[in-house]
């Protein structure tokens, strides 16, 4: 099993067992759905989401069978993970892009070595003769080829 860090439980909310998760996971719509499993702490204690709602900067989650604050207090301050196998089979996570080659037409412009989150988007950190960032936005990223591990870009010359 491949566990991926989702976020951290910051607190409980109310008396009926809802928990507050802080997460910058980019594909929340894939994860925060009813019946999706979450794994808590480094022992990967499995729990199933019954309800979800966004609230301010938090992801509010109710877990199946845990209906009181006393039952969820054990997760306060704990890390939350997902299992890659639980995602839809074609889901490409942003973290998967590390190691992909940046291309425009037939020219190579480096390799993704890191991903950084800003307020407005994600930035791909590219290793080349002069390292640079590419915003992970449709006006820059035109195509991703998973099989060849290539990202095709436009306007890359503006960023060099």
N, C-alpha and C. Protein backbone atom coordinates (compact mmCIF):
# COMPACT_ATOMS: atom_id res chain seq x y z
N UNK A 1 0.84 -1.19 0.00
CA UNK A 1 0.00 0.00 0.00
C UNK A 1 0.88 1.24 0.00
N UNK A 2 0.47 2.23 -0.77
CA UNK A 2 1.19 3.50 -0.80
C UNK A 2 0.32 4.57 -0.15
N UNK A 3 0.75 5.02 1.03
CA UNK A 3 0.00 6.04 1.75
C UNK A 3 0.53 7.42 1.38
N UNK A 4 -0.39 8.35 1.18
CA UNK A 4 -0.05 9.71 0.79
C UNK A 4 -0.60 10.65 1.86
N UNK A 5 0.25 11.56 2.31
CA UNK A 5 -0.14 12.52 3.33
C UNK A 5 -1.25 13.43 2.81
N UNK A 6 -2.34 13.52 3.56
CA UNK A 6 -3.48 14.35 3.19
C UNK A 6 -3.52 15.63 4.01
N UNK A 7 -3.23 15.54 5.29
CA UNK A 7 -3.30 16.70 6.17
C UNK A 7 -3.24 16.30 7.62
N UNK A 8 -3.76 17.19 8.48
CA UNK A 8 -3.70 16.97 9.92
C UNK A 8 -5.02 17.35 10.55
N UNK A 9 -5.44 16.56 11.53
CA UNK A 9 -6.64 16.87 12.30
C UNK A 9 -6.25 17.96 13.30
N UNK A 10 -6.87 19.13 13.17
CA UNK A 10 -6.52 20.23 14.08
C UNK A 10 -7.38 20.23 15.33
N UNK A 11 -8.62 19.73 15.19
CA UNK A 11 -9.52 19.76 16.34
C UNK A 11 -10.79 18.99 16.00
N UNK A 12 -11.64 18.88 17.01
CA UNK A 12 -12.98 18.35 16.80
C UNK A 12 -13.90 19.55 16.61
N UNK A 13 -15.14 19.27 16.19
CA UNK A 13 -16.11 20.36 16.03
C UNK A 13 -17.46 19.85 16.50
N UNK A 14 -18.02 20.52 17.46
CA UNK A 14 -19.32 20.12 17.98
C UNK A 14 -19.22 18.86 18.83
N UNK A 15 -20.37 18.34 19.18
CA UNK A 15 -20.43 17.18 20.08
C UNK A 15 -20.70 15.87 19.35
N UNK A 16 -20.96 15.93 18.04
CA UNK A 16 -21.38 14.73 17.31
C UNK A 16 -20.26 14.05 16.53
N UNK A 17 -19.01 14.38 16.84
CA UNK A 17 -17.90 13.64 16.27
C UNK A 17 -17.32 14.17 14.97
N UNK A 18 -17.64 15.40 14.62
CA UNK A 18 -17.06 15.97 13.40
C UNK A 18 -15.62 16.41 13.71
N UNK A 19 -14.72 16.22 12.72
CA UNK A 19 -13.33 16.63 12.91
C UNK A 19 -12.95 17.68 11.87
N UNK A 20 -11.98 18.54 12.24
CA UNK A 20 -11.47 19.59 11.36
C UNK A 20 -10.11 19.15 10.86
N UNK A 21 -9.99 19.05 9.55
CA UNK A 21 -8.72 18.68 8.93
C UNK A 21 -8.18 19.88 8.18
N UNK A 22 -6.91 20.18 8.36
CA UNK A 22 -6.27 21.21 7.56
C UNK A 22 -5.44 20.49 6.51
N UNK A 23 -5.68 20.85 5.26
CA UNK A 23 -5.05 20.13 4.16
C UNK A 23 -4.81 21.05 2.98
N UNK A 24 -3.65 20.92 2.36
CA UNK A 24 -3.40 21.64 1.11
C UNK A 24 -3.34 20.66 -0.06
N UNK A 25 -3.93 19.50 0.14
CA UNK A 25 -3.96 18.47 -0.90
C UNK A 25 -4.67 19.05 -2.13
N UNK A 26 -4.03 19.01 -3.29
CA UNK A 26 -4.60 19.70 -4.45
C UNK A 26 -5.85 19.06 -5.05
N UNK A 27 -6.07 17.78 -4.82
CA UNK A 27 -7.21 17.11 -5.44
C UNK A 27 -8.24 16.65 -4.40
N UNK A 28 -8.70 17.59 -3.61
CA UNK A 28 -9.65 17.30 -2.54
C UNK A 28 -10.95 16.70 -3.04
N UNK A 29 -11.39 17.11 -4.23
CA UNK A 29 -12.67 16.61 -4.76
C UNK A 29 -12.65 15.10 -4.94
N UNK A 30 -11.47 14.54 -5.15
CA UNK A 30 -11.33 13.09 -5.33
C UNK A 30 -11.43 12.35 -3.99
N UNK A 31 -11.07 13.02 -2.92
CA UNK A 31 -10.91 12.37 -1.62
C UNK A 31 -12.08 12.62 -0.67
N UNK A 32 -12.46 13.87 -0.53
CA UNK A 32 -13.47 14.21 0.47
C UNK A 32 -14.87 13.94 -0.07
N UNK A 33 -15.20 12.66 -0.15
CA UNK A 33 -16.51 12.21 -0.61
C UNK A 33 -17.01 11.12 0.32
N UNK A 34 -18.33 10.95 0.43
CA UNK A 34 -18.85 9.86 1.27
C UNK A 34 -18.30 8.51 0.83
N UNK A 35 -18.03 7.66 1.81
CA UNK A 35 -17.53 6.30 1.64
C UNK A 35 -16.05 6.21 1.25
N UNK A 36 -15.34 7.35 1.19
CA UNK A 36 -13.91 7.30 0.90
C UNK A 36 -13.15 7.02 2.20
N UNK A 37 -12.19 6.09 2.19
CA UNK A 37 -11.44 5.78 3.41
C UNK A 37 -10.30 6.76 3.67
N UNK A 38 -10.15 7.12 4.92
CA UNK A 38 -9.02 7.91 5.40
C UNK A 38 -8.24 7.05 6.38
N UNK A 39 -6.95 7.32 6.52
CA UNK A 39 -6.09 6.55 7.41
C UNK A 39 -5.42 7.51 8.37
N UNK A 40 -5.49 7.20 9.65
CA UNK A 40 -5.02 8.12 10.69
C UNK A 40 -3.78 7.58 11.38
N UNK A 41 -2.91 8.49 11.73
CA UNK A 41 -1.64 8.24 12.42
C UNK A 41 -0.75 7.32 11.59
N UNK A 42 0.43 7.08 12.07
CA UNK A 42 1.39 6.24 11.35
C UNK A 42 1.03 4.76 11.42
N UNK A 43 -0.02 4.40 12.16
CA UNK A 43 -0.50 3.01 12.16
C UNK A 43 -1.60 2.82 11.12
N UNK A 44 -1.98 3.90 10.46
CA UNK A 44 -2.96 3.88 9.37
C UNK A 44 -4.29 3.26 9.79
N UNK A 45 -4.83 3.78 10.89
CA UNK A 45 -6.14 3.37 11.36
C UNK A 45 -7.19 3.81 10.35
N UNK A 46 -7.88 2.87 9.75
CA UNK A 46 -8.82 3.16 8.67
C UNK A 46 -10.18 3.60 9.22
N UNK A 47 -10.68 4.71 8.65
CA UNK A 47 -12.02 5.22 8.95
C UNK A 47 -12.65 5.63 7.63
N UNK A 48 -13.97 5.61 7.57
CA UNK A 48 -14.70 5.91 6.35
C UNK A 48 -15.45 7.24 6.51
N UNK A 49 -15.35 8.11 5.51
CA UNK A 49 -16.06 9.39 5.53
C UNK A 49 -17.56 9.14 5.33
N UNK A 50 -18.39 9.77 6.18
CA UNK A 50 -19.83 9.73 5.94
C UNK A 50 -20.32 11.08 5.41
N UNK A 51 -19.78 12.17 5.96
CA UNK A 51 -20.15 13.50 5.45
C UNK A 51 -18.91 14.37 5.36
N UNK A 52 -19.00 15.35 4.47
CA UNK A 52 -17.91 16.31 4.27
C UNK A 52 -18.51 17.67 3.97
N UNK A 53 -17.84 18.70 4.47
CA UNK A 53 -18.18 20.07 4.11
C UNK A 53 -16.95 20.96 4.31
N UNK A 54 -16.72 21.88 3.40
CA UNK A 54 -15.64 22.84 3.62
C UNK A 54 -16.10 23.91 4.59
N UNK A 55 -15.19 24.40 5.42
CA UNK A 55 -15.52 25.47 6.36
C UNK A 55 -14.27 26.31 6.58
N UNK A 56 -14.30 27.55 6.11
CA UNK A 56 -13.15 28.45 6.16
C UNK A 56 -11.95 27.75 5.51
N UNK A 57 -10.86 27.56 6.25
CA UNK A 57 -9.69 26.90 5.68
C UNK A 57 -9.65 25.40 5.99
N UNK A 58 -10.72 24.90 6.58
CA UNK A 58 -10.74 23.51 7.05
C UNK A 58 -11.62 22.61 6.18
N UNK A 59 -11.36 21.33 6.29
CA UNK A 59 -12.20 20.31 5.70
C UNK A 59 -12.86 19.58 6.87
N UNK A 60 -14.18 19.71 6.96
CA UNK A 60 -14.94 19.15 8.07
C UNK A 60 -15.46 17.78 7.67
N UNK A 61 -15.14 16.77 8.48
CA UNK A 61 -15.44 15.39 8.13
C UNK A 61 -16.12 14.68 9.30
N UNK A 62 -17.14 13.93 8.99
CA UNK A 62 -17.78 13.01 9.94
C UNK A 62 -17.38 11.61 9.51
N UNK A 63 -17.02 10.75 10.47
CA UNK A 63 -16.56 9.40 10.17
C UNK A 63 -17.62 8.37 10.56
N UNK A 64 -17.71 7.34 9.76
CA UNK A 64 -18.71 6.29 9.95
C UNK A 64 -18.58 5.64 11.33
N UNK A 65 -19.68 5.60 12.06
CA UNK A 65 -19.71 4.93 13.36
C UNK A 65 -19.17 5.75 14.51
N UNK A 66 -18.59 6.93 14.23
CA UNK A 66 -18.05 7.78 15.30
C UNK A 66 -18.97 8.99 15.42
N UNK A 67 -19.84 8.95 16.43
CA UNK A 67 -20.90 9.94 16.51
C UNK A 67 -20.83 10.84 17.74
N UNK A 68 -19.70 10.80 18.45
CA UNK A 68 -19.56 11.70 19.59
C UNK A 68 -18.14 12.25 19.63
N UNK A 69 -18.00 13.37 20.29
CA UNK A 69 -16.69 14.00 20.43
C UNK A 69 -15.69 13.06 21.10
N UNK A 70 -16.16 12.28 22.07
CA UNK A 70 -15.27 11.37 22.79
C UNK A 70 -14.66 10.31 21.87
N UNK A 71 -15.36 9.92 20.83
CA UNK A 71 -14.87 8.88 19.93
C UNK A 71 -13.84 9.39 18.93
N UNK A 72 -13.82 10.69 18.67
CA UNK A 72 -12.86 11.23 17.69
C UNK A 72 -11.71 12.01 18.32
N UNK A 73 -11.77 12.25 19.61
CA UNK A 73 -10.69 12.98 20.28
C UNK A 73 -9.33 12.31 20.08
N UNK A 74 -9.31 11.00 19.92
CA UNK A 74 -8.05 10.27 19.73
C UNK A 74 -7.31 10.70 18.46
N UNK A 75 -8.01 11.33 17.52
CA UNK A 75 -7.39 11.75 16.27
C UNK A 75 -6.92 13.21 16.28
N UNK A 76 -7.26 13.94 17.32
CA UNK A 76 -6.86 15.35 17.41
C UNK A 76 -5.32 15.45 17.36
N UNK A 77 -4.84 16.28 16.44
CA UNK A 77 -3.40 16.49 16.29
C UNK A 77 -2.69 15.41 15.46
N UNK A 78 -3.44 14.45 14.96
CA UNK A 78 -2.85 13.33 14.22
C UNK A 78 -2.85 13.59 12.71
N UNK A 79 -1.90 12.96 12.03
CA UNK A 79 -1.82 13.05 10.57
C UNK A 79 -2.89 12.18 9.93
N UNK A 80 -3.33 12.60 8.74
CA UNK A 80 -4.33 11.88 7.97
C UNK A 80 -3.71 11.52 6.61
N UNK A 81 -3.94 10.28 6.18
CA UNK A 81 -3.38 9.79 4.93
C UNK A 81 -4.49 9.20 4.06
N UNK A 82 -4.18 9.05 2.78
CA UNK A 82 -5.03 8.28 1.88
C UNK A 82 -4.17 7.16 1.30
N UNK A 83 -4.81 6.15 0.81
CA UNK A 83 -4.12 5.06 0.14
C UNK A 83 -4.28 5.28 -1.36
N UNK A 84 -3.17 5.29 -2.08
CA UNK A 84 -3.23 5.54 -3.53
C UNK A 84 -4.19 4.56 -4.21
N UNK A 85 -4.26 3.33 -3.73
CA UNK A 85 -5.12 2.32 -4.34
C UNK A 85 -6.61 2.69 -4.25
N UNK A 86 -6.98 3.57 -3.32
CA UNK A 86 -8.37 3.99 -3.16
C UNK A 86 -8.77 5.08 -4.16
N UNK A 87 -7.80 5.69 -4.82
CA UNK A 87 -8.10 6.73 -5.81
C UNK A 87 -8.56 6.09 -7.11
N UNK A 88 -9.23 6.89 -7.91
CA UNK A 88 -9.61 6.41 -9.24
C UNK A 88 -8.34 6.04 -9.99
N UNK A 89 -8.39 5.02 -10.79
CA UNK A 89 -7.18 4.46 -11.41
C UNK A 89 -6.39 5.45 -12.24
N UNK A 90 -7.01 6.40 -12.88
CA UNK A 90 -6.29 7.33 -13.74
C UNK A 90 -5.88 8.61 -13.04
N UNK A 91 -6.07 8.70 -11.76
CA UNK A 91 -5.76 9.92 -11.04
C UNK A 91 -4.26 10.17 -11.03
N UNK A 92 -3.86 11.31 -11.54
CA UNK A 92 -2.47 11.74 -11.52
C UNK A 92 -2.36 12.80 -10.44
N UNK A 93 -1.57 12.52 -9.42
CA UNK A 93 -1.37 13.48 -8.35
C UNK A 93 -0.27 14.45 -8.74
N UNK A 94 -0.33 15.66 -8.22
CA UNK A 94 0.73 16.62 -8.52
C UNK A 94 2.10 16.07 -8.14
N UNK A 95 2.17 15.37 -7.03
CA UNK A 95 3.47 14.82 -6.60
C UNK A 95 4.01 13.81 -7.60
N UNK A 96 3.15 13.21 -8.42
CA UNK A 96 3.60 12.27 -9.45
C UNK A 96 4.42 12.97 -10.52
N UNK A 97 4.27 14.27 -10.66
CA UNK A 97 4.95 15.01 -11.72
C UNK A 97 6.44 15.19 -11.47
N UNK A 98 6.88 14.94 -10.25
CA UNK A 98 8.31 15.04 -9.97
C UNK A 98 9.04 13.99 -10.79
N UNK A 99 10.04 14.44 -11.54
CA UNK A 99 10.79 13.56 -12.43
C UNK A 99 10.34 13.66 -13.88
N UNK A 100 9.21 14.31 -14.14
CA UNK A 100 8.74 14.48 -15.51
C UNK A 100 9.63 15.49 -16.24
N UNK A 101 9.78 15.29 -17.53
CA UNK A 101 10.56 16.17 -18.39
C UNK A 101 9.66 17.27 -18.94
N UNK A 102 10.19 18.50 -18.99
CA UNK A 102 9.46 19.64 -19.55
C UNK A 102 9.84 19.76 -21.02
N UNK A 103 8.82 19.82 -21.88
CA UNK A 103 9.07 19.88 -23.33
C UNK A 103 8.18 20.93 -23.99
N UNK A 104 8.72 21.51 -25.05
CA UNK A 104 7.93 22.34 -25.96
C UNK A 104 8.37 21.92 -27.36
N UNK A 105 7.40 21.48 -28.12
CA UNK A 105 7.69 20.89 -29.43
C UNK A 105 8.67 19.73 -29.22
N UNK A 106 9.85 19.77 -29.80
CA UNK A 106 10.80 18.67 -29.60
C UNK A 106 11.95 19.08 -28.68
N UNK A 107 11.90 20.27 -28.13
CA UNK A 107 12.98 20.76 -27.27
C UNK A 107 12.69 20.46 -25.79
N UNK A 108 13.71 20.02 -25.06
CA UNK A 108 13.60 19.73 -23.64
C UNK A 108 14.09 20.93 -22.83
N UNK A 109 13.31 21.28 -21.79
CA UNK A 109 13.62 22.45 -20.96
C UNK A 109 13.93 22.10 -19.51
N UNK A 110 14.21 20.86 -19.20
CA UNK A 110 14.55 20.49 -17.84
C UNK A 110 13.62 19.44 -17.28
N UNK A 111 13.70 19.26 -15.96
CA UNK A 111 12.95 18.22 -15.27
C UNK A 111 12.34 18.79 -13.99
N UNK A 112 11.13 18.36 -13.67
CA UNK A 112 10.46 18.79 -12.44
C UNK A 112 11.17 18.14 -11.25
N UNK A 113 11.64 18.98 -10.32
CA UNK A 113 12.31 18.42 -9.13
C UNK A 113 11.56 18.72 -7.84
N UNK A 114 10.57 19.64 -7.91
CA UNK A 114 9.80 19.95 -6.71
C UNK A 114 8.52 20.67 -7.12
N UNK A 115 7.57 20.74 -6.20
CA UNK A 115 6.31 21.44 -6.43
C UNK A 115 6.05 22.32 -5.22
N UNK A 116 5.69 23.57 -5.48
CA UNK A 116 5.48 24.53 -4.41
C UNK A 116 4.07 25.11 -4.55
N UNK A 117 3.41 25.32 -3.43
CA UNK A 117 2.07 25.91 -3.45
C UNK A 117 2.17 27.39 -3.13
N UNK A 118 1.46 28.21 -3.91
CA UNK A 118 1.33 29.63 -3.62
C UNK A 118 -0.15 29.89 -3.35
N UNK A 119 -0.50 31.13 -3.05
CA UNK A 119 -1.91 31.45 -2.80
C UNK A 119 -2.78 31.20 -4.02
N UNK A 120 -2.24 31.45 -5.21
CA UNK A 120 -3.07 31.38 -6.40
C UNK A 120 -2.92 30.09 -7.21
N UNK A 121 -1.80 29.39 -7.08
CA UNK A 121 -1.60 28.18 -7.88
C UNK A 121 -0.46 27.35 -7.32
N UNK A 122 -0.13 26.30 -8.05
CA UNK A 122 1.05 25.50 -7.75
C UNK A 122 2.13 25.86 -8.75
N UNK A 123 3.38 25.77 -8.31
CA UNK A 123 4.51 26.03 -9.18
C UNK A 123 5.35 24.77 -9.30
N UNK A 124 5.71 24.42 -10.53
CA UNK A 124 6.63 23.31 -10.76
C UNK A 124 8.04 23.89 -10.78
N UNK A 125 8.92 23.36 -9.93
CA UNK A 125 10.31 23.82 -9.88
C UNK A 125 11.11 22.97 -10.85
N UNK A 126 11.71 23.62 -11.84
CA UNK A 126 12.37 22.93 -12.93
C UNK A 126 13.87 23.04 -12.79
N UNK A 127 14.54 21.90 -12.88
CA UNK A 127 15.99 21.84 -12.84
C UNK A 127 16.51 21.87 -14.28
N UNK A 128 17.35 22.85 -14.57
CA UNK A 128 18.03 22.94 -15.87
C UNK A 128 19.29 23.76 -15.64
N UNK A 129 19.89 24.26 -16.70
CA UNK A 129 21.10 25.08 -16.54
C UNK A 129 20.82 26.24 -15.58
N UNK A 130 19.68 26.90 -15.77
CA UNK A 130 19.20 27.93 -14.85
C UNK A 130 17.84 27.46 -14.32
N UNK A 131 17.77 27.08 -13.05
CA UNK A 131 16.52 26.59 -12.47
C UNK A 131 15.44 27.67 -12.56
N UNK A 132 14.18 27.25 -12.70
CA UNK A 132 13.08 28.19 -12.82
C UNK A 132 11.78 27.51 -12.42
N UNK A 133 10.71 28.30 -12.33
CA UNK A 133 9.38 27.80 -11.97
C UNK A 133 8.43 27.93 -13.16
N UNK A 134 7.51 26.98 -13.26
CA UNK A 134 6.41 27.07 -14.22
C UNK A 134 5.11 26.96 -13.44
N UNK A 135 4.22 27.94 -13.59
CA UNK A 135 2.91 27.83 -12.93
C UNK A 135 2.14 26.63 -13.48
N UNK A 136 1.51 25.88 -12.59
CA UNK A 136 0.69 24.74 -13.01
C UNK A 136 -0.69 25.27 -13.39
N UNK A 137 -0.74 25.92 -14.54
CA UNK A 137 -1.96 26.55 -15.04
C UNK A 137 -2.11 26.22 -16.51
N UNK A 138 -3.35 26.18 -17.02
CA UNK A 138 -3.57 25.79 -18.41
C UNK A 138 -2.88 26.69 -19.44
N UNK A 139 -2.63 27.94 -19.09
CA UNK A 139 -1.95 28.80 -20.07
C UNK A 139 -0.47 28.46 -20.22
N UNK A 140 0.07 27.64 -19.33
CA UNK A 140 1.46 27.19 -19.44
C UNK A 140 1.55 25.69 -19.73
N UNK A 141 0.73 24.88 -19.08
CA UNK A 141 0.76 23.42 -19.24
C UNK A 141 -0.28 23.04 -20.30
N UNK A 142 0.16 22.48 -21.41
CA UNK A 142 -0.78 22.16 -22.47
C UNK A 142 -1.14 20.68 -22.52
N UNK A 143 -0.22 19.82 -22.09
CA UNK A 143 -0.47 18.38 -22.16
C UNK A 143 0.46 17.66 -21.20
N UNK A 144 -0.04 16.58 -20.61
CA UNK A 144 0.78 15.71 -19.76
C UNK A 144 0.70 14.31 -20.33
N UNK A 145 1.86 13.74 -20.63
CA UNK A 145 1.94 12.38 -21.15
C UNK A 145 2.48 11.49 -20.03
N UNK A 146 1.56 10.76 -19.38
CA UNK A 146 1.93 9.92 -18.24
C UNK A 146 2.89 8.80 -18.65
N UNK A 147 2.66 8.18 -19.80
CA UNK A 147 3.48 7.05 -20.22
C UNK A 147 4.94 7.46 -20.46
N UNK A 148 5.13 8.61 -21.11
CA UNK A 148 6.48 9.10 -21.42
C UNK A 148 7.05 9.98 -20.30
N UNK A 149 6.23 10.29 -19.29
CA UNK A 149 6.62 11.18 -18.19
C UNK A 149 7.11 12.52 -18.74
N UNK A 150 6.25 13.14 -19.56
CA UNK A 150 6.57 14.42 -20.17
C UNK A 150 5.43 15.40 -19.94
N UNK A 151 5.82 16.67 -19.74
CA UNK A 151 4.86 17.76 -19.62
C UNK A 151 5.15 18.72 -20.76
N UNK A 152 4.15 18.97 -21.58
CA UNK A 152 4.30 19.89 -22.69
C UNK A 152 3.81 21.27 -22.27
N UNK A 153 4.61 22.29 -22.60
CA UNK A 153 4.35 23.63 -22.10
C UNK A 153 4.31 24.64 -23.25
N UNK A 154 3.73 25.78 -22.96
CA UNK A 154 3.75 26.96 -23.83
C UNK A 154 4.33 28.11 -23.02
N UNK A 155 4.83 29.10 -23.71
CA UNK A 155 5.32 30.34 -23.08
C UNK A 155 6.47 30.10 -22.11
N UNK A 156 7.16 28.98 -22.22
CA UNK A 156 8.24 28.68 -21.29
C UNK A 156 9.39 29.69 -21.40
N UNK A 157 9.59 30.24 -22.59
CA UNK A 157 10.68 31.20 -22.79
C UNK A 157 10.51 32.43 -21.90
N UNK A 158 9.26 32.80 -21.59
CA UNK A 158 8.99 33.94 -20.71
C UNK A 158 9.47 33.70 -19.30
N UNK A 159 9.61 32.45 -18.91
CA UNK A 159 9.95 32.11 -17.54
C UNK A 159 11.45 31.88 -17.31
N UNK A 160 12.18 31.71 -18.38
CA UNK A 160 13.62 31.42 -18.27
C UNK A 160 14.42 32.65 -17.93
